[in-house]
Protein backbone atom coordinates (compact mmCIF):
# COMPACT_ATOMS: atom_id res chain seq x y z
CA MET A 1 0.00 0.01 0.00
CA TYR A 2 1.43 3.31 -0.98
CA GLU A 3 1.00 6.90 0.10
CA SER A 4 -0.23 8.82 -2.93
CA ARG A 5 2.44 11.19 -4.23
CA LEU A 6 0.88 12.18 -7.54
CA ARG A 7 -1.00 15.44 -7.81
CA VAL A 8 -4.73 14.89 -7.88
CA PRO A 9 -6.58 18.18 -7.47
CA GLY A 10 -9.27 18.10 -4.84
CA LYS A 11 -8.67 14.55 -3.78
CA SER A 12 -7.28 13.23 -0.51
CA PRO A 13 -4.74 10.47 -1.05
CA ARG A 14 -5.84 8.52 1.98
CA THR A 15 -9.39 8.86 3.19
CA ALA A 16 -11.51 7.01 5.67
CA CYS A 17 -13.31 5.56 2.69
CA PHE A 18 -10.10 3.90 1.57
CA ALA A 19 -9.48 2.37 4.97
CA LEU A 20 -13.06 1.13 5.10
CA LEU A 21 -12.83 -0.35 1.61
CA TRP A 22 -9.71 -2.23 2.51
CA LEU A 23 -11.23 -3.41 5.78
CA VAL A 24 -14.37 -4.67 4.10
CA GLY A 25 -12.53 -5.94 1.06
CA ALA A 26 -10.59 -8.28 3.30
CA VAL A 27 -9.45 -7.20 6.67
CA VAL A 28 -7.46 -10.35 6.76
CA LEU A 29 -4.54 -8.79 4.90
CA PRO A 30 -2.54 -12.01 5.21
CA ALA A 31 1.11 -11.10 5.28
CA ILE A 32 2.07 -8.01 3.45
CA ALA A 33 -0.12 -7.07 0.69
CA SER A 34 -2.25 -10.16 0.87
CA GLY A 35 -3.65 -12.05 -1.95
CA GLN A 36 -2.98 -14.59 -4.61
CA THR A 37 -0.51 -17.39 -4.56
CA GLU A 38 2.83 -16.83 -6.22
CA GLU A 39 4.41 -15.38 -9.14
CA ALA A 40 5.67 -18.70 -10.15
CA ALA A 41 2.51 -18.68 -12.15
CA GLY A 42 4.00 -15.72 -13.99
CA SER A 43 3.16 -15.61 -17.64
CA ALA A 44 5.76 -16.27 -20.25
CA SER A 45 4.12 -13.59 -22.34
CA GLY A 46 5.86 -10.86 -20.37
CA GLY A 47 3.32 -10.58 -17.59
CA ALA A 48 0.08 -11.14 -19.45
CA LEU A 49 -2.86 -11.06 -17.11
CA ALA A 50 -4.30 -14.36 -16.06
CA SER A 51 -7.92 -15.30 -16.47
CA GLU A 52 -9.57 -18.01 -14.43
CA GLY A 53 -13.03 -19.26 -13.57
CA ARG A 54 -15.85 -17.41 -15.25
CA LEU A 55 -13.54 -15.14 -17.20
CA ALA A 56 -11.67 -18.03 -18.73
CA SER A 57 -14.66 -18.82 -20.87
CA GLY A 58 -15.47 -15.20 -21.61
CA ASP A 59 -18.26 -15.15 -19.01
CA GLY A 60 -20.72 -13.65 -21.45
CA ARG A 61 -21.45 -10.71 -19.16
CA THR A 62 -23.49 -7.80 -20.45
CA SER A 63 -25.52 -5.13 -18.75
CA ALA A 64 -29.29 -5.17 -18.71
CA GLY A 65 -29.33 -3.38 -22.06
CA GLY A 66 -26.71 -5.68 -23.53
CA LEU A 67 -23.99 -3.03 -23.35
CA ALA A 68 -21.14 -2.26 -20.98
CA PRO A 69 -21.21 1.02 -19.01
CA SER A 70 -20.37 4.07 -21.12
CA GLY A 71 -17.10 3.41 -22.92
CA GLY A 72 -14.05 1.35 -22.17
CA LEU A 73 -10.42 2.07 -21.42
CA VAL A 74 -9.04 4.92 -23.52
CA ALA A 75 -5.71 4.69 -25.34
CA SER A 76 -3.81 6.52 -22.60
CA ASP A 77 -5.16 4.17 -19.92
CA ILE A 78 -4.09 1.14 -21.88
CA ALA A 79 -0.64 2.64 -22.53
CA LEU A 80 -0.12 3.30 -18.80
CA LEU A 81 -1.18 -0.16 -17.71
CA GLU A 82 0.80 -1.83 -20.48
CA GLU A 83 3.91 0.09 -19.51
CA ALA A 84 3.63 -0.97 -15.88
CA PHE A 85 3.64 -4.63 -16.92
CA ARG A 86 6.37 -4.01 -19.48
CA LEU A 87 8.69 -2.38 -16.92
CA GLN A 88 8.17 -5.23 -14.46
CA ALA A 89 8.80 -7.87 -17.14
CA GLU A 90 12.02 -6.16 -18.33
CA LEU A 91 13.57 -5.04 -15.05
CA GLY A 92 11.86 -6.92 -12.24
CA SER A 93 14.30 -9.83 -12.26
CA GLU A 94 17.24 -7.42 -12.12
CA VAL A 95 16.04 -6.28 -8.69
CA TRP A 96 14.74 -9.68 -7.55
CA PRO A 97 16.17 -12.71 -9.40
CA THR A 98 12.91 -14.66 -9.15
CA TRP A 99 10.52 -11.78 -9.89
CA GLY A 100 9.91 -12.54 -13.52
CA PRO A 101 6.96 -11.58 -15.73
CA MET A 102 3.84 -12.08 -13.62
CA GLU A 103 0.09 -12.25 -13.79
CA THR A 104 -1.63 -9.61 -11.67
CA PRO A 105 -5.33 -8.74 -11.40
CA VAL A 106 -5.88 -5.01 -11.79
CA LEU A 107 -8.76 -2.76 -10.75
CA TYR A 108 -8.29 0.53 -12.62
CA LYS A 109 -10.43 3.43 -11.50
CA THR A 110 -11.27 6.51 -13.57
CA GLY A 111 -13.78 8.19 -11.28
CA SER A 112 -17.03 7.43 -13.09
CA GLN A 113 -15.97 3.89 -13.99
CA GLU A 114 -13.75 1.10 -12.78
CA PHE A 115 -12.25 -1.61 -14.94
CA LEU A 116 -11.35 -5.10 -13.77
CA ILE A 117 -8.80 -7.20 -15.63
CA GLY A 118 -7.55 -10.71 -14.95
CA HIS A 119 -9.57 -11.28 -11.79
CA PRO A 120 -10.82 -14.85 -11.16
CA SER A 121 -14.06 -13.81 -9.43
CA PRO A 122 -15.42 -10.53 -10.80
CA PRO A 123 -18.45 -9.18 -8.91
CA ASP A 124 -21.80 -9.31 -10.68
CA GLN A 125 -21.89 -5.57 -11.40
CA PHE A 126 -18.97 -5.88 -13.84
CA VAL A 127 -19.92 -6.36 -17.50
CA MET A 128 -17.93 -7.00 -20.64
CA THR A 129 -16.66 -3.95 -22.53
CA GLY A 130 -15.66 -5.82 -25.69
CA GLN A 131 -12.06 -4.78 -25.06
CA THR A 132 -9.13 -6.97 -24.19
CA PHE A 133 -5.90 -6.14 -22.40
CA ARG A 134 -2.92 -8.38 -23.02
CA GLY A 135 -5.31 -11.00 -24.32
CA GLN A 136 -7.76 -10.83 -21.42
CA PRO A 137 -11.27 -9.36 -21.34
CA VAL A 138 -11.74 -5.95 -19.76
CA LEU A 139 -14.80 -5.71 -17.52
CA ALA A 140 -16.37 -2.45 -16.39
CA ALA A 141 -18.74 -1.15 -13.74
CA ALA A 142 -20.06 2.29 -12.88
CA SER A 143 -18.38 3.96 -9.91
CA THR A 144 -18.91 6.98 -7.67
CA ASP A 145 -15.67 6.48 -5.72
CA SER A 146 -13.51 9.60 -6.03
CA THR A 147 -10.69 8.30 -3.85
CA PHE A 148 -7.28 8.23 -5.53
CA TYR A 149 -5.68 4.78 -5.32
CA LEU A 150 -2.16 3.44 -5.57
CA ALA A 151 -2.64 0.26 -3.60
CA ALA A 152 -2.75 -3.49 -3.48
CA PHE A 153 -5.23 -5.36 -1.33
CA PRO A 154 -7.60 -8.32 -1.40
CA TYR A 155 -10.52 -7.63 -3.72
CA GLU A 156 -13.22 -10.30 -3.76
CA GLY A 157 -10.76 -12.64 -2.09
CA THR A 158 -7.90 -12.13 -4.55
CA MET A 159 -4.90 -9.85 -4.09
CA THR A 160 -5.35 -7.08 -6.65
CA VAL A 161 -3.48 -3.98 -7.73
CA VAL A 162 -5.91 -1.06 -7.35
CA VAL A 163 -4.84 2.11 -9.14
CA SER A 164 -6.49 5.30 -10.32
CA ARG A 165 -6.07 7.22 -13.55
CA PRO A 166 -3.47 9.92 -12.84
CA SER A 167 -4.19 13.58 -13.43
CA PRO A 168 -2.84 15.00 -16.72
CA ASP A 169 -0.04 16.90 -15.02
CA SER A 170 1.30 13.84 -13.20
CA ASP A 171 4.74 12.33 -13.77
CA MET A 172 3.65 9.35 -15.84
CA ALA A 173 6.98 7.57 -15.68
CA ARG A 174 6.81 7.71 -11.91
CA TRP A 175 3.20 6.47 -11.97
CA VAL A 176 4.47 3.38 -13.81
CA VAL A 177 7.14 2.81 -11.15
CA LEU A 178 4.65 3.34 -8.31
CA ALA A 179 2.33 0.80 -9.93
CA ASN A 180 5.22 -1.64 -9.78
CA HIS A 181 5.48 -1.00 -6.05
CA GLU A 182 1.95 -2.34 -5.78
CA MET A 183 2.66 -5.22 -8.16
CA PHE A 184 5.52 -6.20 -5.86
CA HIS A 185 3.07 -6.41 -2.93
CA VAL A 186 1.04 -8.96 -4.88
CA TRP A 187 4.19 -10.96 -5.50
CA GLN A 188 5.25 -10.74 -1.84
CA LYS A 189 2.02 -12.44 -0.80
CA ARG A 190 2.05 -15.03 -3.51
CA VAL A 191 5.57 -16.24 -2.89
CA ARG A 192 5.40 -16.87 0.86
CA PRO A 193 2.01 -16.07 2.38
CA GLY A 194 2.20 -15.73 6.15
CA ARG A 195 5.82 -16.81 6.64
CA VAL A 196 6.87 -13.58 8.32
CA VAL A 197 4.98 -12.93 11.56
CA GLU A 198 2.13 -10.45 11.25
CA PRO A 199 0.75 -8.14 13.94
CA PHE A 200 -2.90 -8.56 12.96
CA VAL A 201 -3.76 -11.19 15.54
CA GLY A 202 -5.26 -11.33 19.03
CA ALA A 203 -6.46 -7.91 20.20
CA HIS A 204 -5.49 -6.51 16.79
CA ALA A 205 -7.11 -9.20 14.66
CA MET A 206 -9.51 -6.69 13.11
CA GLU A 207 -6.82 -4.11 12.34
CA HIS A 208 -4.85 -3.63 9.17
CA GLU A 209 -1.89 -1.58 7.98
CA LEU A 210 -3.73 1.74 8.00
CA SER A 211 -5.65 1.32 11.26
CA PHE A 212 -3.12 -0.40 13.52
CA PRO A 213 -2.74 1.68 16.74
CA PHE A 214 1.02 2.11 16.65
CA PRO A 215 2.32 4.40 19.48
CA TYR A 216 3.67 7.13 17.20
CA ASP A 217 3.65 9.66 20.09
CA ASP A 218 5.56 7.53 22.60
CA ASP A 219 8.89 9.23 23.35
CA ALA A 220 10.70 5.94 24.05
CA VAL A 221 9.46 4.43 20.81
CA LEU A 222 10.50 7.54 18.83
CA SER A 223 13.96 7.38 20.43
CA LEU A 224 14.30 3.76 19.36
CA LEU A 225 13.29 4.69 15.83
CA ARG A 226 15.82 7.52 15.75
CA LEU A 227 18.62 5.17 16.85
CA ASP A 228 17.54 2.63 14.24
CA GLY A 229 17.35 5.23 11.50
CA GLU A 230 20.71 6.85 12.25
CA GLU A 231 22.63 3.57 12.15
CA VAL A 232 20.82 2.33 9.06
CA PHE A 233 21.47 5.63 7.27
CA LEU A 234 25.19 5.61 8.09
CA GLY A 235 25.51 2.01 6.99
CA CYS A 236 23.65 2.24 3.68
CA SER A 237 24.79 5.69 2.53
CA ALA A 238 28.53 5.67 3.29
CA ASP A 239 30.83 5.66 0.28
CA SER A 240 32.48 2.55 1.68
CA LEU A 241 31.86 0.12 4.50
CA PRO A 242 35.10 -1.47 5.68
CA PRO A 243 34.80 -4.65 7.78
CA ALA A 244 35.34 -2.95 11.14
CA THR A 245 32.62 -0.39 10.39
CA ALA A 246 30.28 -3.05 9.03
CA ARG A 247 30.72 -5.17 12.14
CA ARG A 248 30.07 -2.15 14.39
CA THR A 249 26.94 -1.24 12.42
CA VAL A 250 25.56 -4.77 12.64
CA GLY A 251 26.31 -4.96 16.37
CA LEU A 252 24.61 -1.65 17.12
CA LEU A 253 21.52 -2.55 15.08
CA ARG A 254 21.33 -5.90 16.84
CA HIS A 255 21.35 -4.11 20.20
CA VAL A 256 18.66 -1.67 19.03
CA ASP A 257 16.52 -4.62 17.96
CA GLN A 258 17.04 -6.30 21.32
CA LEU A 259 15.78 -3.16 23.07
CA GLY A 260 12.45 -3.41 21.24
CA PRO A 261 10.57 -5.73 23.64
CA SER A 262 11.38 -3.49 26.62
CA VAL A 263 10.42 -0.29 24.78
CA PHE A 264 7.05 -1.35 23.41
CA SER A 265 4.30 -1.85 25.97
CA ASP A 266 2.33 -3.74 23.33
CA SER A 267 4.48 -6.51 21.89
CA LEU A 268 2.39 -6.54 18.72
CA ALA A 269 3.37 -2.91 18.03
CA PHE A 270 6.97 -4.12 17.83
CA VAL A 271 5.84 -6.86 15.47
CA TYR A 272 4.04 -4.21 13.40
CA LYS A 273 7.27 -2.22 13.06
CA LYS A 274 9.15 -5.24 11.80
CA TRP A 275 6.35 -6.31 9.49
CA MET A 276 5.96 -2.84 7.97
CA GLU A 277 9.71 -2.57 7.30
CA TRP A 278 9.61 -5.99 5.66
CA HIS A 279 6.41 -5.31 3.75
CA GLU A 280 6.41 -1.62 2.80
CA GLY A 281 10.09 -0.81 3.26
CA VAL A 282 11.24 -3.51 0.86
CA ALA A 283 8.53 -2.53 -1.61
CA ARG A 284 9.93 1.02 -1.45
CA TYR A 285 13.44 -0.40 -2.00
CA THR A 286 12.15 -2.28 -5.02
CA GLU A 287 10.39 0.82 -6.38
CA ARG A 288 13.53 2.95 -6.03
CA SER A 289 15.78 0.26 -7.48
CA LEU A 290 13.52 -0.08 -10.54
CA ALA A 291 13.50 3.71 -10.97
CA LEU A 292 17.28 3.92 -10.84
CA LEU A 293 17.68 1.01 -13.24
CA ALA A 294 15.23 2.63 -15.65
CA SER A 295 17.23 5.87 -15.53
CA ASP A 296 20.80 4.59 -15.68
CA ASP A 297 23.41 5.27 -18.37
CA THR A 298 21.47 3.10 -20.82
CA PRO A 299 17.97 4.14 -19.79
CA TYR A 300 14.93 1.97 -20.16
CA SER A 301 13.06 2.58 -23.42
CA PRO A 302 9.29 2.71 -23.01
CA GLY A 303 6.93 1.02 -25.44
CA GLU A 304 5.63 2.78 -28.51
CA ALA A 305 2.13 3.36 -27.12
CA PHE A 306 3.44 4.96 -23.92
CA ALA A 307 5.89 7.15 -25.83
CA ARG A 308 3.10 8.23 -28.17
CA GLU A 309 0.56 8.99 -25.46
CA PHE A 310 3.01 10.62 -23.06
CA PRO A 311 5.81 12.19 -25.12
CA GLU A 312 6.93 14.34 -22.16
CA ALA A 313 7.35 11.38 -19.79
CA SER A 314 10.97 10.66 -18.93
CA PHE A 315 12.33 7.57 -17.21
CA GLU A 316 15.75 9.21 -17.23
CA GLY A 317 14.30 11.95 -15.03
CA LEU A 318 13.49 9.44 -12.32
CA ARG A 319 17.11 9.51 -11.15
CA ASP A 320 16.66 13.06 -9.90
CA THR A 321 13.39 12.09 -8.22
CA TYR A 322 14.87 9.16 -6.30
CA ALA A 323 18.55 10.13 -5.88
CA SER A 324 18.12 11.71 -2.45
CA ASP A 325 15.70 9.10 -1.14
CA LEU A 326 18.15 7.77 1.43
CA ASN A 327 18.46 11.08 3.29
CA PRO A 328 15.11 10.86 5.17
CA ILE A 329 16.23 7.58 6.81
CA ARG A 330 18.33 9.47 9.37
CA PHE A 331 15.29 11.58 10.35
CA VAL A 332 13.00 8.64 11.08
CA GLY A 333 11.31 9.20 14.46
CA GLU A 334 11.78 12.95 14.17
CA GLY A 335 11.04 14.70 10.86
CA VAL A 336 9.90 11.45 9.24
CA SER A 337 7.02 10.07 11.26
CA GLY A 338 3.91 7.97 10.93
CA ARG A 339 3.79 4.99 8.60
CA MET A 340 6.35 6.53 6.25
CA ALA A 341 9.01 5.90 8.90
CA PHE A 342 8.79 2.20 8.12
CA TYR A 343 9.00 2.74 4.37
CA TYR A 344 12.34 4.47 4.86
CA LEU A 345 13.71 2.20 7.60
CA GLY A 346 12.89 -0.94 5.63
CA MET A 347 14.29 0.50 2.41
CA GLY A 348 17.51 1.45 4.18
CA LYS A 349 17.88 -1.96 5.76
CA ALA A 350 17.42 -3.57 2.35
CA TYR A 351 20.23 -1.42 0.88
CA LEU A 352 22.38 -2.16 3.91
CA LEU A 353 21.80 -5.89 3.36
CA ASP A 354 22.91 -5.49 -0.27
CA ARG A 355 26.27 -4.48 1.17
CA LEU A 356 26.51 -6.84 4.13
CA LEU A 357 24.80 -9.98 2.90
CA PRO A 358 24.47 -9.93 -0.91
CA GLU A 359 22.48 -13.17 -0.95
CA TRP A 360 19.91 -11.92 1.55
CA LYS A 361 17.02 -12.06 -0.92
CA ALA A 362 17.16 -15.85 -0.88
CA GLN A 363 16.06 -15.70 2.78
CA TYR A 364 13.79 -12.65 2.56
CA PHE A 365 10.57 -14.62 2.55
CA GLU A 366 11.59 -16.55 5.68
CA LYS A 367 12.96 -13.84 8.03
CA ASP A 368 12.43 -10.23 8.97
CA LEU A 369 15.08 -7.66 8.07
CA ASP A 370 16.53 -7.38 11.58
CA ALA A 371 17.10 -11.13 11.68
CA LEU A 372 18.90 -10.98 8.36
CA ILE A 373 21.10 -8.11 9.51
CA ALA A 374 21.99 -10.08 12.65
CA GLU A 375 23.07 -12.98 10.41
CA ALA A 376 25.43 -10.64 8.58
CA GLU A 377 27.67 -10.46 11.68
CA SER A 378 29.25 -13.73 10.61
CA ALA A 379 29.35 -12.83 6.92
CA PRO A 380 32.70 -12.15 5.17
CA MET A 381 31.84 -8.46 4.92
CA CYS A 382 32.00 -8.15 8.72
CA GLN A 383 35.15 -10.16 9.33
CA VAL A 384 38.05 -8.11 10.66
CA ASP A 385 41.56 -9.50 10.06
């Protein structure tokens, strides 16, 4: 789930309506981004959307008058969605070796309509538009929901990327990258549902990422976050990390982690911190890594449709957008507060692990980030002669 950072005049990026929709849609939120069951089912066609159940046979849906709601996806909508899948198919495995082209249900919202693609159990209000997207039928329903979405959550029991049409003055290249952040959430859940401990149990069983009562105003908790952020920032942003420094960094972060149970009066709040870093922080790391790859010395070339519909969009320009993204890590618990603290802490820990334990991604779906950093103490990077 992402905080909206595109300009949408007159719309709140996170409203109570959104929280309610997620809660009703499936408060379960099983492990990070909840939903389907593994990318391994990824399509060899470069991420073509899957179609199961009723959709597999075309479903034959029409509205009462035999027609879909007014109109289908316009060319710019199709170009945006296609580019999101194209970027993931081309660069996803460069960030995560096993994140190849994948099938992902999408709910695309335009304000007056919403379009569902590749979902195994579309609700009855959705009807056929006559369009296809990457070989799959596009279904449509009328909508009065004005909330702006960049999210992934269970929709009708299936983890789904839920995104809104961006405003015309938005950075379209960044929209594509942000959509990949949400696609990564779907993959997180599919690969290893429930392997990393979640906080949504017991007294918090009915909570979710947006509603969890984390003690953001507790001074001791904020101090712990500041210590965590400072060490993570120093470790992931330094020009070099010699073994003695690496060992010190790992040792200090291990001690900070060990302080957690005594700082948090609610043990599940400590679990929430770890889960959010693992869930949202690593998604942010993936988002930034994709953006930097797309803007490197041999920048990613968008597809013809995207280039035609959005001639001003620049993937090269993403480097400037994301270059300074590590700086806020050191202000976690102070200037950087609320849920965004975990986006930055988790992202920083992922970059630190790239330095300390290059093979960490092989264990990512089994352990939280703090456990992986603790393991790095015995890694070659931390060995002092």
